């Protein structure tokens, strides 16, 4: 069984989900291709203690997100760094954001 396919299918069925909290997954490296991009009603995304997470489908999520919290995710913190991070142009569009160690 391909676990990532199961996650993708499950998330695709939750299109009305407004809040998602991902925590304590040190082996998680990406949220691309997980189905998160289909959560078109998602308003709040909180990610904590995912030390190896370095890829988010923010280009798809930024349209609906109003709150983004990233804590203890060093790779994401660098990508979201103000003015110089690869994701900053998208993160800057999210009204309420907390990105910290």
PDB file of N, CA and C in Angstrom:
ATOM      1  N   UNK A   1       0.846  -1.178   0.000  1.00  0.00           N
ATOM      2  CA  UNK A   1       0.000   0.000   0.000  1.00  0.00           C
ATOM      3  C   UNK A   1       0.890   1.239   0.000  1.00  0.00           C
ATOM      4  N   UNK A   2       0.611   2.158  -0.899  1.00  0.00           N
ATOM      5  CA  UNK A   2       1.337   3.411  -0.964  1.00  0.00           C
ATOM      6  C   UNK A   2       0.669   4.389  -0.009  1.00  0.00           C
ATOM      7  N   UNK A   3       1.332   4.620   1.134  1.00  0.00           N
ATOM      8  CA  UNK A   3       0.766   5.469   2.180  1.00  0.00           C
ATOM      9  C   UNK A   3       0.473   6.875   1.676  1.00  0.00           C
ATOM     10  N   UNK A   4       1.376   7.433   0.859  1.00  0.00           N
ATOM     11  CA  UNK A   4       1.157   8.793   0.372  1.00  0.00           C
ATOM     12  C   UNK A   4      -0.087   8.870  -0.513  1.00  0.00           C
ATOM     13  N   UNK A   5      -0.392   7.814  -1.245  1.00  0.00           N
ATOM     14  CA  UNK A   5      -1.611   7.796  -2.057  1.00  0.00           C
ATOM     15  C   UNK A   5      -2.851   7.767  -1.178  1.00  0.00           C
ATOM     16  N   UNK A   6      -2.779   7.014  -0.069  1.00  0.00           N
ATOM     17  CA  UNK A   6      -3.912   6.978   0.866  1.00  0.00           C
ATOM     18  C   UNK A   6      -4.156   8.349   1.471  1.00  0.00           C
ATOM     19  N   UNK A   7      -3.093   9.045   1.863  1.00  0.00           N
ATOM     20  CA  UNK A   7      -3.243  10.383   2.428  1.00  0.00           C
ATOM     21  C   UNK A   7      -3.865  11.304   1.401  1.00  0.00           C
ATOM     22  N   UNK A   8      -3.359  11.257   0.175  1.00  0.00           N
ATOM     23  CA  UNK A   8      -3.866  12.118  -0.885  1.00  0.00           C
ATOM     24  C   UNK A   8      -5.353  11.896  -1.107  1.00  0.00           C
ATOM     25  N   UNK A   9      -5.774  10.636  -1.190  1.00  0.00           N
ATOM     26  CA  UNK A   9      -7.184  10.344  -1.408  1.00  0.00           C
ATOM     27  C   UNK A   9      -8.019  10.854  -0.249  1.00  0.00           C
ATOM     28  N   UNK A  10      -7.554  10.641   0.976  1.00  0.00           N
ATOM     29  CA  UNK A  10      -8.299  11.074   2.153  1.00  0.00           C
ATOM     30  C   UNK A  10      -8.448  12.583   2.186  1.00  0.00           C
ATOM     31  N   UNK A  11      -7.379  13.306   1.924  1.00  0.00           N
ATOM     32  CA  UNK A  11      -7.439  14.763   1.967  1.00  0.00           C
ATOM     33  C   UNK A  11      -8.308  15.320   0.851  1.00  0.00           C
ATOM     34  N   UNK A  12      -8.311  14.677  -0.302  1.00  0.00           N
ATOM     35  CA  UNK A  12      -9.138  15.146  -1.407  1.00  0.00           C
ATOM     36  C   UNK A  12     -10.618  15.118  -1.044  1.00  0.00           C
ATOM     37  N   UNK A  13     -11.008  14.251  -0.116  1.00  0.00           N
ATOM     38  CA  UNK A  13     -12.411  14.145   0.280  1.00  0.00           C
ATOM     39  C   UNK A  13     -12.775  15.154   1.366  1.00  0.00           C
ATOM     40  N   UNK A  14     -11.787  15.872   1.887  1.00  0.00           N
ATOM     41  CA  UNK A  14     -12.016  16.817   2.982  1.00  0.00           C
ATOM     42  C   UNK A  14     -11.938  18.260   2.506  1.00  0.00           C
ATOM     43  N   UNK A  15     -12.522  18.559   1.386  1.00  0.00           N
ATOM     44  CA  UNK A  15     -12.384  19.892   0.798  1.00  0.00           C
ATOM     45  C   UNK A  15     -12.992  20.997   1.658  1.00  0.00           C
ATOM     46  N   UNK A  16     -13.853  20.671   2.613  1.00  0.00           N
ATOM     47  CA  UNK A  16     -14.438  21.701   3.479  1.00  0.00           C
ATOM     48  C   UNK A  16     -13.640  21.904   4.775  1.00  0.00           C
ATOM     49  N   UNK A  17     -12.533  21.188   4.936  1.00  0.00           N
ATOM     50  CA  UNK A  17     -11.680  21.329   6.120  1.00  0.00           C
ATOM     51  C   UNK A  17     -11.131  22.754   6.193  1.00  0.00           C
ATOM     52  N   UNK A  18     -11.239  23.394   7.354  1.00  0.00           N
ATOM     53  CA  UNK A  18     -10.777  24.780   7.485  1.00  0.00           C
ATOM     54  C   UNK A  18      -9.500  24.923   8.307  1.00  0.00           C
ATOM     55  N   UNK A  19      -9.135  23.898   9.072  1.00  0.00           N
ATOM     56  CA  UNK A  19      -7.949  23.989   9.912  1.00  0.00           C
ATOM     57  C   UNK A  19      -7.202  22.657   9.892  1.00  0.00           C
ATOM     58  N   UNK A  20      -5.873  22.737   9.774  1.00  0.00           N
ATOM     59  CA  UNK A  20      -5.044  21.533   9.745  1.00  0.00           C
ATOM     60  C   UNK A  20      -3.814  21.784  10.597  1.00  0.00           C
ATOM     61  N   UNK A  21      -3.537  20.853  11.523  1.00  0.00           N
ATOM     62  CA  UNK A  21      -2.376  20.940  12.405  1.00  0.00           C
ATOM     63  C   UNK A  21      -1.543  19.686  12.185  1.00  0.00           C
ATOM     64  N   UNK A  22      -0.300  19.894  11.757  1.00  0.00           N
ATOM     65  CA  UNK A  22       0.632  18.794  11.519  1.00  0.00           C
ATOM     66  C   UNK A  22       1.753  18.952  12.525  1.00  0.00           C
ATOM     67  N   UNK A  23       2.006  17.901  13.317  1.00  0.00           N
ATOM     68  CA  UNK A  23       2.990  18.037  14.392  1.00  0.00           C
ATOM     69  C   UNK A  23       3.732  16.731  14.640  1.00  0.00           C
ATOM     70  N   UNK A  24       5.026  16.863  14.973  1.00  0.00           N
ATOM     71  CA  UNK A  24       5.804  15.723  15.419  1.00  0.00           C
ATOM     72  C   UNK A  24       6.063  14.659  14.376  1.00  0.00           C
ATOM     73  N   UNK A  25       6.338  15.068  13.160  1.00  0.00           N
ATOM     74  CA  UNK A  25       6.630  14.116  12.085  1.00  0.00           C
ATOM     75  C   UNK A  25       8.032  14.407  11.532  1.00  0.00           C
ATOM     76  N   UNK A  26       9.065  13.976  12.244  1.00  0.00           N
ATOM     77  CA  UNK A  26      10.434  14.316  11.835  1.00  0.00           C
ATOM     78  C   UNK A  26      10.858  13.715  10.502  1.00  0.00           C
ATOM     79  N   UNK A  27      10.221  12.645  10.054  1.00  0.00           N
ATOM     80  CA  UNK A  27      10.618  12.046   8.775  1.00  0.00           C
ATOM     81  C   UNK A  27       9.847  12.637   7.584  1.00  0.00           C
ATOM     82  N   UNK A  28       8.868  13.478   7.835  1.00  0.00           N
ATOM     83  CA  UNK A  28       8.104  14.106   6.756  1.00  0.00           C
ATOM     84  C   UNK A  28       8.986  15.123   6.030  1.00  0.00           C
ATOM     85  N   UNK A  29       9.112  14.992   4.713  1.00  0.00           N
ATOM     86  CA  UNK A  29       9.960  15.900   3.953  1.00  0.00           C
ATOM     87  C   UNK A  29       9.176  16.831   3.033  1.00  0.00           C
ATOM     88  N   UNK A  30       7.945  16.466   2.698  1.00  0.00           N
ATOM     89  CA  UNK A  30       7.183  17.263   1.747  1.00  0.00           C
ATOM     90  C   UNK A  30       5.687  17.087   1.955  1.00  0.00           C
ATOM     91  N   UNK A  31       4.946  18.146   1.700  1.00  0.00           N
ATOM     92  CA  UNK A  31       3.488  18.045   1.654  1.00  0.00           C
ATOM     93  C   UNK A  31       2.979  18.106   0.216  1.00  0.00           C
ATOM     94  N   UNK A  32       3.906  18.208  -0.730  1.00  0.00           N
ATOM     95  CA  UNK A  32       3.537  18.130  -2.143  1.00  0.00           C
ATOM     96  C   UNK A  32       3.004  16.717  -2.399  1.00  0.00           C
ATOM     97  N   UNK A  33       2.039  16.605  -3.247  1.00  0.00           N
ATOM     98  CA  UNK A  33       1.473  15.305  -3.660  1.00  0.00           C
ATOM     99  C   UNK A  33       0.836  14.532  -2.498  1.00  0.00           C
ATOM    100  N   UNK A  34       0.391  15.238  -1.466  1.00  0.00           N
ATOM    101  CA  UNK A  34      -0.305  14.578  -0.362  1.00  0.00           C
ATOM    102  C   UNK A  34      -1.803  14.849  -0.406  1.00  0.00           C
ATOM    103  N   UNK A  35      -2.224  15.735  -1.268  1.00  0.00           N
ATOM    104  CA  UNK A  35      -3.629  16.111  -1.335  1.00  0.00           C
ATOM    105  C   UNK A  35      -3.925  17.403  -0.598  1.00  0.00           C
ATOM    106  N   UNK A  36      -2.972  17.933   0.135  1.00  0.00           N
ATOM    107  CA  UNK A  36      -3.172  19.192   0.866  1.00  0.00           C
ATOM    108  C   UNK A  36      -3.605  20.296  -0.097  1.00  0.00           C
ATOM    109  N   UNK A  37      -3.098  20.270  -1.308  1.00  0.00           N
ATOM    110  CA  UNK A  37      -3.428  21.308  -2.277  1.00  0.00           C
ATOM    111  C   UNK A  37      -4.912  21.327  -2.634  1.00  0.00           C
ATOM    112  N   UNK A  38      -5.643  20.256  -2.322  1.00  0.00           N
ATOM    113  CA  UNK A  38      -7.076  20.200  -2.602  1.00  0.00           C
ATOM    114  C   UNK A  38      -7.941  20.778  -1.484  1.00  0.00           C
ATOM    115  N   UNK A  39      -7.311  21.188  -0.406  1.00  0.00           N
ATOM    116  CA  UNK A  39      -8.059  21.739   0.734  1.00  0.00           C
ATOM    117  C   UNK A  39      -8.372  23.202   0.470  1.00  0.00           C
ATOM    118  N   UNK A  40      -9.301  23.437  -0.411  1.00  0.00           N
ATOM    119  CA  UNK A  40      -9.595  24.790  -0.894  1.00  0.00           C
ATOM    120  C   UNK A  40     -10.285  25.678   0.139  1.00  0.00           C
ATOM    121  N   UNK A  41     -10.776  25.096   1.230  1.00  0.00           N
ATOM    122  CA  UNK A  41     -11.412  25.876   2.300  1.00  0.00           C
ATOM    123  C   UNK A  41     -10.481  26.096   3.481  1.00  0.00           C
ATOM    124  N   UNK A  42      -9.239  25.647   3.372  1.00  0.00           N
ATOM    125  CA  UNK A  42      -8.300  25.716   4.491  1.00  0.00           C
ATOM    126  C   UNK A  42      -7.979  27.164   4.835  1.00  0.00           C
ATOM    127  N   UNK A  43      -8.258  27.553   6.069  1.00  0.00           N
ATOM    128  CA  UNK A  43      -7.986  28.909   6.557  1.00  0.00           C
ATOM    129  C   UNK A  43      -6.752  28.952   7.447  1.00  0.00           C
ATOM    130  N   UNK A  44      -6.522  27.874   8.205  1.00  0.00           N
ATOM    131  CA  UNK A  44      -5.437  27.853   9.174  1.00  0.00           C
ATOM    132  C   UNK A  44      -4.590  26.597   8.995  1.00  0.00           C
ATOM    133  N   UNK A  45      -3.274  26.809   8.859  1.00  0.00           N
ATOM    134  CA  UNK A  45      -2.332  25.700   8.742  1.00  0.00           C
ATOM    135  C   UNK A  45      -1.257  25.883   9.805  1.00  0.00           C
ATOM    136  N   UNK A  46      -1.123  24.888  10.686  1.00  0.00           N
ATOM    137  CA  UNK A  46      -0.111  24.920  11.734  1.00  0.00           C
ATOM    138  C   UNK A  46       0.797  23.715  11.564  1.00  0.00           C
ATOM    139  N   UNK A  47       2.096  23.971  11.501  1.00  0.00           N
ATOM    140  CA  UNK A  47       3.081  22.902  11.340  1.00  0.00           C
ATOM    141  C   UNK A  47       4.117  23.067  12.441  1.00  0.00           C
ATOM    142  N   UNK A  48       4.352  21.985  13.181  1.00  0.00           N
ATOM    143  CA  UNK A  48       5.266  22.059  14.318  1.00  0.00           C
ATOM    144  C   UNK A  48       6.099  20.780  14.399  1.00  0.00           C
ATOM    145  N   UNK A  49       7.367  20.953  14.746  1.00  0.00           N
ATOM    146  CA  UNK A  49       8.275  19.815  14.982  1.00  0.00           C
ATOM    147  C   UNK A  49       8.356  18.851  13.803  1.00  0.00           C
ATOM    148  N   UNK A  50       8.550  19.398  12.631  1.00  0.00           N
ATOM    149  CA  UNK A  50       8.765  18.595  11.422  1.00  0.00           C
ATOM    150  C   UNK A  50      10.110  19.034  10.840  1.00  0.00           C
ATOM    151  N   UNK A  51      11.187  18.573  11.466  1.00  0.00           N
ATOM    152  CA  UNK A  51      12.536  19.072  11.194  1.00  0.00           C
ATOM    153  C   UNK A  51      12.996  18.896   9.754  1.00  0.00           C
ATOM    154  N   UNK A  52      12.482  17.916   9.051  1.00  0.00           N
ATOM    155  CA  UNK A  52      12.935  17.660   7.675  1.00  0.00           C
ATOM    156  C   UNK A  52      11.942  18.114   6.609  1.00  0.00           C
ATOM    157  N   UNK A  53      10.884  18.778   7.028  1.00  0.00           N
ATOM    158  CA  UNK A  53       9.887  19.256   6.068  1.00  0.00           C
ATOM    159  C   UNK A  53      10.444  20.459   5.324  1.00  0.00           C
ATOM    160  N   UNK A  54      10.549  20.324   4.015  1.00  0.00           N
ATOM    161  CA  UNK A  54      11.139  21.393   3.217  1.00  0.00           C
ATOM    162  C   UNK A  54      10.377  21.708   1.950  1.00  0.00           C
ATOM    163  N   UNK A  55       9.116  21.274   1.881  1.00  0.00           N
ATOM    164  CA  UNK A  55       8.343  21.535   0.672  1.00  0.00           C
ATOM    165  C   UNK A  55       6.849  21.603   1.003  1.00  0.00           C
ATOM    166  N   UNK A  56       6.248  22.709   0.624  1.00  0.00           N
ATOM    167  CA  UNK A  56       4.813  22.923   0.825  1.00  0.00           C
ATOM    168  C   UNK A  56       4.188  23.362  -0.496  1.00  0.00           C
ATOM    169  N   UNK A  57       2.937  22.996  -0.747  1.00  0.00           N
ATOM    170  CA  UNK A  57       2.261  23.487  -1.945  1.00  0.00           C
ATOM    171  C   UNK A  57       1.616  24.856  -1.679  1.00  0.00           C
ATOM    172  N   UNK A  58       2.410  25.808  -1.214  1.00  0.00           N
ATOM    173  CA  UNK A  58       1.871  27.119  -0.849  1.00  0.00           C
ATOM    174  C   UNK A  58       1.223  27.837  -2.017  1.00  0.00           C
ATOM    175  N   UNK A  59       1.702  27.611  -3.218  1.00  0.00           N
ATOM    176  CA  UNK A  59       1.105  28.273  -4.377  1.00  0.00           C
ATOM    177  C   UNK A  59      -0.378  27.942  -4.505  1.00  0.00           C
ATOM    178  N   UNK A  60      -0.781  26.762  -4.052  1.00  0.00           N
ATOM    179  CA  UNK A  60      -2.190  26.362  -4.095  1.00  0.00           C
ATOM    180  C   UNK A  60      -2.947  26.812  -2.842  1.00  0.00           C
ATOM    181  N   UNK A  61      -2.257  26.856  -1.702  1.00  0.00           N
ATOM    182  CA  UNK A  61      -2.909  27.138  -0.426  1.00  0.00           C
ATOM    183  C   UNK A  61      -3.051  28.622  -0.122  1.00  0.00           C
ATOM    184  N   UNK A  62      -2.186  29.438  -0.672  1.00  0.00           N
ATOM    185  CA  UNK A  62      -2.154  30.851  -0.304  1.00  0.00           C
ATOM    186  C   UNK A  62      -3.479  31.564  -0.607  1.00  0.00           C
ATOM    187  N   UNK A  63      -4.226  31.058  -1.541  1.00  0.00           N
ATOM    188  CA  UNK A  63      -5.505  31.667  -1.919  1.00  0.00           C
ATOM    189  C   UNK A  63      -6.488  31.654  -0.753  1.00  0.00           C
ATOM    190  N   UNK A  64      -6.521  30.567   0.011  1.00  0.00           N
ATOM    191  CA  UNK A  64      -7.505  30.439   1.088  1.00  0.00           C
ATOM    192  C   UNK A  64      -6.940  30.709   2.482  1.00  0.00           C
ATOM    193  N   UNK A  65      -5.632  30.544   2.687  1.00  0.00           N
ATOM    194  CA  UNK A  65      -5.062  30.656   4.033  1.00  0.00           C
ATOM    195  C   UNK A  65      -5.115  32.073   4.588  1.00  0.00           C
ATOM    196  N   UNK A  66      -5.551  32.189   5.830  1.00  0.00           N
ATOM    197  CA  UNK A  66      -5.467  33.470   6.531  1.00  0.00           C
ATOM    198  C   UNK A  66      -4.522  33.376   7.727  1.00  0.00           C
ATOM    199  N   UNK A  67      -4.223  32.153   8.183  1.00  0.00           N
ATOM    200  CA  UNK A  67      -3.305  31.932   9.312  1.00  0.00           C
ATOM    201  C   UNK A  67      -2.301  30.831   8.957  1.00  0.00           C
ATOM    202  N   UNK A  68      -1.028  31.130   9.167  1.00  0.00           N
ATOM    203  CA  UNK A  68       0.022  30.142   8.966  1.00  0.00           C
ATOM    204  C   UNK A  68       0.956  30.198  10.170  1.00  0.00           C
ATOM    205  N   UNK A  69       1.139  29.052  10.805  1.00  0.00           N
ATOM    206  CA  UNK A  69       2.066  28.950  11.928  1.00  0.00           C
ATOM    207  C   UNK A  69       3.058  27.840  11.614  1.00  0.00           C
ATOM    208  N   UNK A  70       4.337  28.176  11.707  1.00  0.00           N
ATOM    209  CA  UNK A  70       5.403  27.204  11.509  1.00  0.00           C
ATOM    210  C   UNK A  70       6.343  27.330  12.693  1.00  0.00           C
ATOM    211  N   UNK A  71       6.495  26.244  13.454  1.00  0.00           N
ATOM    212  CA  UNK A  71       7.372  26.230  14.627  1.00  0.00           C
ATOM    213  C   UNK A  71       8.246  24.982  14.595  1.00  0.00           C
ATOM    214  N   UNK A  72       9.522  25.166  14.914  1.00  0.00           N
ATOM    215  CA  UNK A  72      10.475  24.052  15.011  1.00  0.00           C
ATOM    216  C   UNK A  72      10.558  23.255  13.712  1.00  0.00           C
ATOM    217  N   UNK A  73      10.586  23.979  12.612  1.00  0.00           N
ATOM    218  CA  UNK A  73      10.745  23.400  11.278  1.00  0.00           C
ATOM    219  C   UNK A  73      11.836  24.215  10.572  1.00  0.00           C
ATOM    220  N   UNK A  74      13.102  23.902  10.841  1.00  0.00           N
ATOM    221  CA  UNK A  74      14.199  24.750  10.358  1.00  0.00           C
ATOM    222  C   UNK A  74      14.269  24.925   8.846  1.00  0.00           C
ATOM    223  N   UNK A  75      13.954  23.901   8.084  1.00  0.00           N
ATOM    224  CA  UNK A  75      14.009  24.027   6.625  1.00  0.00           C
ATOM    225  C   UNK A  75      12.922  24.976   6.115  1.00  0.00           C
ATOM    226  N   UNK A  76      11.730  24.854   6.666  1.00  0.00           N
ATOM    227  CA  UNK A  76      10.646  25.758   6.261  1.00  0.00           C
ATOM    228  C   UNK A  76      10.922  27.184   6.702  1.00  0.00           C
ATOM    229  N   UNK A  77      11.505  27.336   7.871  1.00  0.00           N
ATOM    230  CA  UNK A  77      11.812  28.686   8.368  1.00  0.00           C
ATOM    231  C   UNK A  77      12.703  29.429   7.380  1.00  0.00           C
ATOM    232  N   UNK A  78      13.722  28.749   6.864  1.00  0.00           N
ATOM    233  CA  UNK A  78      14.625  29.367   5.882  1.00  0.00           C
ATOM    234  C   UNK A  78      13.860  29.708   4.596  1.00  0.00           C
ATOM    235  N   UNK A  79      13.021  28.810   4.134  1.00  0.00           N
ATOM    236  CA  UNK A  79      12.258  29.042   2.900  1.00  0.00           C
ATOM    237  C   UNK A  79      11.268  30.195   3.032  1.00  0.00           C
ATOM    238  N   UNK A  80      10.802  30.456   4.261  1.00  0.00           N
ATOM    239  CA  UNK A  80       9.803  31.492   4.501  1.00  0.00           C
ATOM    240  C   UNK A  80      10.412  32.811   4.989  1.00  0.00           C
ATOM    241  N   UNK A  81      11.725  32.900   5.030  1.00  0.00           N
ATOM    242  CA  UNK A  81      12.385  34.077   5.575  1.00  0.00           C
ATOM    243  C   UNK A  81      12.030  35.339   4.786  1.00  0.00           C
ATOM    244  N   UNK A  82      11.736  36.385   5.533  1.00  0.00           N
ATOM    245  CA  UNK A  82      11.283  37.642   4.942  1.00  0.00           C
ATOM    246  C   UNK A  82      12.261  38.151   3.881  1.00  0.00           C
ATOM    247  N   UNK A  83      11.725  38.486   2.751  1.00  0.00           N
ATOM    248  CA  UNK A  83      12.410  39.089   1.610  1.00  0.00           C
ATOM    249  C   UNK A  83      13.386  38.175   0.870  1.00  0.00           C
ATOM    250  N   UNK A  84      13.933  37.141   1.501  1.00  0.00           N
ATOM    251  CA  UNK A  84      14.937  36.329   0.810  1.00  0.00           C
ATOM    252  C   UNK A  84      14.560  34.854   0.651  1.00  0.00           C
ATOM    253  N   UNK A  85      13.585  34.379   1.409  1.00  0.00           N
ATOM    254  CA  UNK A  85      13.188  32.973   1.317  1.00  0.00           C
ATOM    255  C   UNK A  85      12.431  32.670   0.033  1.00  0.00           C
ATOM    256  N   UNK A  86      12.619  31.474  -0.472  1.00  0.00           N
ATOM    257  CA  UNK A  86      11.958  31.041  -1.705  1.00  0.00           C
ATOM    258  C   UNK A  86      10.440  31.151  -1.615  1.00  0.00           C
ATOM    259  N   UNK A  87       9.869  30.936  -0.435  1.00  0.00           N
ATOM    260  CA  UNK A  87       8.413  30.994  -0.253  1.00  0.00           C
ATOM    261  C   UNK A  87       7.908  32.364   0.183  1.00  0.00           C
ATOM    262  N   UNK A  88       8.799  33.325   0.426  1.00  0.00           N
ATOM    263  CA  UNK A  88       8.371  34.598   1.010  1.00  0.00           C
ATOM    264  C   UNK A  88       7.290  35.293   0.186  1.00  0.00           C
ATOM    265  N   UNK A  89       7.397  35.274  -1.130  1.00  0.00           N
ATOM    266  CA  UNK A  89       6.397  35.981  -1.942  1.00  0.00           C
ATOM    267  C   UNK A  89       4.993  35.434  -1.697  1.00  0.00           C
ATOM    268  N   UNK A  90       4.882  34.154  -1.396  1.00  0.00           N
ATOM    269  CA  UNK A  90       3.578  33.561  -1.103  1.00  0.00           C
ATOM    270  C   UNK A  90       3.201  33.760   0.366  1.00  0.00           C
ATOM    271  N   UNK A  91       4.152  33.554   1.262  1.00  0.00           N
ATOM    272  CA  UNK A  91       3.907  33.711   2.705  1.00  0.00           C
ATOM    273  C   UNK A  91       3.472  35.136   3.019  1.00  0.00           C
ATOM    274  N   UNK A  92       4.059  36.089   2.340  1.00  0.00           N
ATOM    275  CA  UNK A  92       3.741  37.500   2.609  1.00  0.00           C
ATOM    276  C   UNK A  92       2.286  37.845   2.301  1.00  0.00           C
ATOM    277  N   UNK A  93       1.600  37.027   1.524  1.00  0.00           N
ATOM    278  CA  UNK A  93       0.194  37.251   1.197  1.00  0.00           C
ATOM    279  C   UNK A  93      -0.759  36.733   2.277  1.00  0.00           C
ATOM    280  N   UNK A  94      -0.246  35.976   3.229  1.00  0.00           N
ATOM    281  CA  UNK A  94      -1.062  35.393   4.295  1.00  0.00           C
ATOM    282  C   UNK A  94      -1.139  36.416   5.436  1.00  0.00           C
ATOM    283  N   UNK A  95      -2.334  36.887   5.792  1.00  0.00           N
ATOM    284  CA  UNK A  95      -2.457  37.980   6.757  1.00  0.00           C
ATOM    285  C   UNK A  95      -1.821  37.721   8.127  1.00  0.00           C
ATOM    286  N   UNK A  96      -2.028  36.549   8.704  1.00  0.00           N
ATOM    287  CA  UNK A  96      -1.511  36.257  10.036  1.00  0.00           C
ATOM    288  C   UNK A  96      -0.542  35.086   9.926  1.00  0.00           C
ATOM    289  N   UNK A  97       0.702  35.334  10.296  1.00  0.00           N
ATOM    290  CA  UNK A  97       1.720  34.284  10.181  1.00  0.00           C
ATOM    291  C   UNK A  97       2.698  34.361  11.344  1.00  0.00           C
ATOM    292  N   UNK A  98       3.072  33.188  11.820  1.00  0.00           N
ATOM    293  CA  UNK A  98       4.085  33.037  12.857  1.00  0.00           C
ATOM    294  C   UNK A  98       5.067  32.009  12.332  1.00  0.00           C
ATOM    295  N   UNK A  99       6.310  32.402  12.218  1.00  0.00           N
ATOM    296  CA  UNK A  99       7.347  31.478  11.756  1.00  0.00           C
ATOM    297  C   UNK A  99       8.519  31.650  12.704  1.00  0.00           C
ATOM    298  N   UNK A 100       8.759  30.602  13.508  1.00  0.00           N
ATOM    299  CA  UNK A 100       9.796  30.708  14.540  1.00  0.00           C
ATOM    300  C   UNK A 100      10.412  29.355  14.843  1.00  0.00           C
ATOM    301  N   UNK A 101      11.538  29.413  15.562  1.00  0.00           N
ATOM    302  CA  UNK A 101      12.239  28.186  15.968  1.00  0.00           C
ATOM    303  C   UNK A 101      11.412  27.384  16.952  1.00  0.00           C
TER     304      UNK A 101
END
